[in-house]
C-alpha cells in the first residue's frame, strides 16, 4: 500500500480482493448517512482474513460535527462519524486492516 494512495481507491481494491463469486453475494460494504448529520459504515469481515480481529471502540470527539467512532462487532468493522470525517474514518479502517501486512 502506498501512503499516497487515496483511501477510497484502497477500499475499492480491498473490496475487489474479497470478491470471489460468493463473498459479495452475502457480505460487503455499506455506507449510509446519519440524520445528526454524519456517516455510518459497516464493512463485513466475515470470510475475510480480518474476521477474527477485534478493535475496541475508538472515539475522537472534537466538536458537534467533527467526530469519529470505530469498532468491530459481529465480524464487522463499524464506523460512525461526522459529516466531514468519512475519509478520516475510512483511513482508520485501512490502517487497522493493514497492520502486520506490507
C-alpha atoms as a PDB file:
ATOM      1  CA  UNK A   1       0.000   0.000   0.000  1.00  0.00           C
ATOM      2  CA  UNK A   2       1.292   3.398  -0.942  1.00  0.00           C
ATOM      3  CA  UNK A   3       0.852   6.100   1.687  1.00  0.00           C
ATOM      4  CA  UNK A   4      -0.235   8.450  -1.085  1.00  0.00           C
ATOM      5  CA  UNK A   5      -2.928   6.069  -2.329  1.00  0.00           C
ATOM      6  CA  UNK A   6      -6.319   7.629  -1.704  1.00  0.00           C
ATOM      7  CA  UNK A   7      -8.278   5.707   0.915  1.00  0.00           C
ATOM      8  CA  UNK A   8     -11.268   5.289  -1.413  1.00  0.00           C
ATOM      9  CA  UNK A   9      -9.027   3.733  -4.078  1.00  0.00           C
ATOM     10  CA  UNK A  10      -7.617   1.433  -1.379  1.00  0.00           C
ATOM     11  CA  UNK A  11     -11.123   0.464  -0.186  1.00  0.00           C
ATOM     12  CA  UNK A  12     -12.196  -0.340  -3.732  1.00  0.00           C
ATOM     13  CA  UNK A  13      -9.169  -2.632  -4.145  1.00  0.00           C
ATOM     14  CA  UNK A  14      -9.797  -4.264  -0.754  1.00  0.00           C
ATOM     15  CA  UNK A  15     -13.431  -4.907  -1.668  1.00  0.00           C
ATOM     16  CA  UNK A  16     -12.498  -6.306  -5.092  1.00  0.00           C
ATOM     17  CA  UNK A  17      -9.925  -8.610  -3.476  1.00  0.00           C
ATOM     18  CA  UNK A  18     -12.660 -10.114  -1.267  1.00  0.00           C
ATOM     19  CA  UNK A  19     -14.984 -10.826  -4.206  1.00  0.00           C
ATOM     20  CA  UNK A  20     -14.641 -14.494  -5.083  1.00  0.00           C
ATOM     21  CA  UNK A  21     -18.003 -15.301  -6.613  1.00  0.00           C
ATOM     22  CA  UNK A  22     -19.570 -16.000  -3.203  1.00  0.00           C
ATOM     23  CA  UNK A  23     -18.468 -13.382  -0.648  1.00  0.00           C
ATOM     24  CA  UNK A  24     -20.013 -10.421  -2.466  1.00  0.00           C
ATOM     25  CA  UNK A  25     -23.408 -12.126  -2.595  1.00  0.00           C
ATOM     26  CA  UNK A  26     -23.678 -12.324   1.175  1.00  0.00           C
ATOM     27  CA  UNK A  27     -21.269  -9.709   2.576  1.00  0.00           C
ATOM     28  CA  UNK A  28     -19.994  -6.304   1.551  1.00  0.00           C
ATOM     29  CA  UNK A  29     -19.597  -2.661   2.478  1.00  0.00           C
ATOM     30  CA  UNK A  30     -22.458  -0.337   3.391  1.00  0.00           C
ATOM     31  CA  UNK A  31     -22.094   3.455   3.619  1.00  0.00           C
ATOM     32  CA  UNK A  32     -25.121   5.469   4.739  1.00  0.00           C
ATOM     33  CA  UNK A  33     -25.859   8.907   6.104  1.00  0.00           C
ATOM     34  CA  UNK A  34     -26.952   9.783   9.635  1.00  0.00           C
ATOM     35  CA  UNK A  35     -29.502  12.461  10.381  1.00  0.00           C
ATOM     36  CA  UNK A  36     -27.430  14.229  13.047  1.00  0.00           C
ATOM     37  CA  UNK A  37     -25.652  14.718  10.366  1.00  0.00           C
ATOM     38  CA  UNK A  38     -22.911  12.228   9.645  1.00  0.00           C
ATOM     39  CA  UNK A  39     -21.984   8.869   8.179  1.00  0.00           C
ATOM     40  CA  UNK A  40     -22.252   5.246   9.212  1.00  0.00           C
ATOM     41  CA  UNK A  41     -20.200   2.493   7.607  1.00  0.00           C
ATOM     42  CA  UNK A  42     -20.365  -1.279   8.016  1.00  0.00           C
ATOM     43  CA  UNK A  43     -17.580  -3.335   6.453  1.00  0.00           C
ATOM     44  CA  UNK A  44     -18.338  -7.033   6.697  1.00  0.00           C
ATOM     45  CA  UNK A  45     -15.305  -9.083   7.654  1.00  0.00           C
ATOM     46  CA  UNK A  46     -16.978 -12.499   7.553  1.00  0.00           C
ATOM     47  CA  UNK A  47     -14.941 -14.935   5.459  1.00  0.00           C
ATOM     48  CA  UNK A  48     -12.006 -12.499   5.177  1.00  0.00           C
ATOM     49  CA  UNK A  49      -8.570 -12.705   6.773  1.00  0.00           C
ATOM     50  CA  UNK A  50      -9.747  -9.971   9.187  1.00  0.00           C
ATOM     51  CA  UNK A  51     -12.797 -11.862  10.502  1.00  0.00           C
ATOM     52  CA  UNK A  52     -11.284 -12.738  13.879  1.00  0.00           C
ATOM     53  CA  UNK A  53      -9.512  -9.445  14.535  1.00  0.00           C
ATOM     54  CA  UNK A  54     -11.022  -7.058  17.018  1.00  0.00           C
ATOM     55  CA  UNK A  55     -10.889  -3.335  17.596  1.00  0.00           C
ATOM     56  CA  UNK A  56     -12.218  -1.938  20.868  1.00  0.00           C
ATOM     57  CA  UNK A  57     -14.296   1.182  20.331  1.00  0.00           C
ATOM     58  CA  UNK A  58     -12.146   4.176  19.369  1.00  0.00           C
ATOM     59  CA  UNK A  59     -13.734   7.570  19.826  1.00  0.00           C
ATOM     60  CA  UNK A  60     -12.463  11.007  18.842  1.00  0.00           C
ATOM     61  CA  UNK A  61     -14.820  13.904  19.568  1.00  0.00           C
ATOM     62  CA  UNK A  62     -13.584  17.360  18.585  1.00  0.00           C
ATOM     63  CA  UNK A  63     -16.904  19.154  18.161  1.00  0.00           C
ATOM     64  CA  UNK A  64     -20.571  18.524  17.397  1.00  0.00           C
ATOM     65  CA  UNK A  65     -19.843  17.890  13.701  1.00  0.00           C
ATOM     66  CA  UNK A  66     -16.183  16.749  13.934  1.00  0.00           C
ATOM     67  CA  UNK A  67     -16.083  13.268  15.440  1.00  0.00           C
ATOM     68  CA  UNK A  68     -15.238   9.649  14.624  1.00  0.00           C
ATOM     69  CA  UNK A  69     -16.061   6.323  16.258  1.00  0.00           C
ATOM     70  CA  UNK A  70     -14.714   2.986  15.018  1.00  0.00           C
ATOM     71  CA  UNK A  71     -15.028  -0.530  16.438  1.00  0.00           C
ATOM     72  CA  UNK A  72     -15.585  -4.139  15.492  1.00  0.00           C
ATOM     73  CA  UNK A  73     -18.602  -6.234  16.400  1.00  0.00           C
ATOM     74  CA  UNK A  74     -20.230  -9.325  14.935  1.00  0.00           C
ATOM     75  CA  UNK A  75     -17.384  -9.804  12.423  1.00  0.00           C
ATOM     76  CA  UNK A  76     -17.798  -6.304  11.008  1.00  0.00           C
ATOM     77  CA  UNK A  77     -15.762  -3.107  11.176  1.00  0.00           C
ATOM     78  CA  UNK A  78     -18.154  -0.314  12.089  1.00  0.00           C
ATOM     79  CA  UNK A  79     -17.769   3.416  11.733  1.00  0.00           C
ATOM     80  CA  UNK A  80     -19.887   6.369  12.762  1.00  0.00           C
ATOM     81  CA  UNK A  81     -18.579   9.860  12.098  1.00  0.00           C
ATOM     82  CA  UNK A  82     -19.373  13.489  11.483  1.00  0.00           C
ATOM     83  CA  UNK A  83     -20.296  14.833   8.047  1.00  0.00           C
ATOM     84  CA  UNK A  84     -16.721  15.802   7.170  1.00  0.00           C
ATOM     85  CA  UNK A  85     -14.946  12.813   8.703  1.00  0.00           C
ATOM     86  CA  UNK A  86     -15.629   9.966   6.259  1.00  0.00           C
ATOM     87  CA  UNK A  87     -12.109   9.976   4.768  1.00  0.00           C
ATOM     88  CA  UNK A  88     -10.566  10.029   8.255  1.00  0.00           C
ATOM     89  CA  UNK A  89     -12.810   7.161   9.360  1.00  0.00           C
ATOM     90  CA  UNK A  90     -12.071   5.015   6.297  1.00  0.00           C
ATOM     91  CA  UNK A  91      -8.364   5.673   6.881  1.00  0.00           C
ATOM     92  CA  UNK A  92      -8.787   4.156  10.356  1.00  0.00           C
ATOM     93  CA  UNK A  93     -10.108   1.001   8.686  1.00  0.00           C
ATOM     94  CA  UNK A  94      -7.251   0.967   6.161  1.00  0.00           C
ATOM     95  CA  UNK A  95      -4.650   1.374   8.907  1.00  0.00           C
ATOM     96  CA  UNK A  96      -6.268  -1.324  11.080  1.00  0.00           C
ATOM     97  CA  UNK A  97      -6.695  -3.746   8.168  1.00  0.00           C
ATOM     98  CA  UNK A  98      -3.104  -3.181   7.025  1.00  0.00           C
ATOM     99  CA  UNK A  99      -1.479  -3.783  10.424  1.00  0.00           C
ATOM    100  CA  UNK A 100       1.030  -6.576  10.170  1.00  0.00           C
ATOM    101  CA  UNK A 101       0.932  -6.701   6.367  1.00  0.00           C
ATOM    102  CA  UNK A 102       3.168  -4.914   3.942  1.00  0.00           C
END
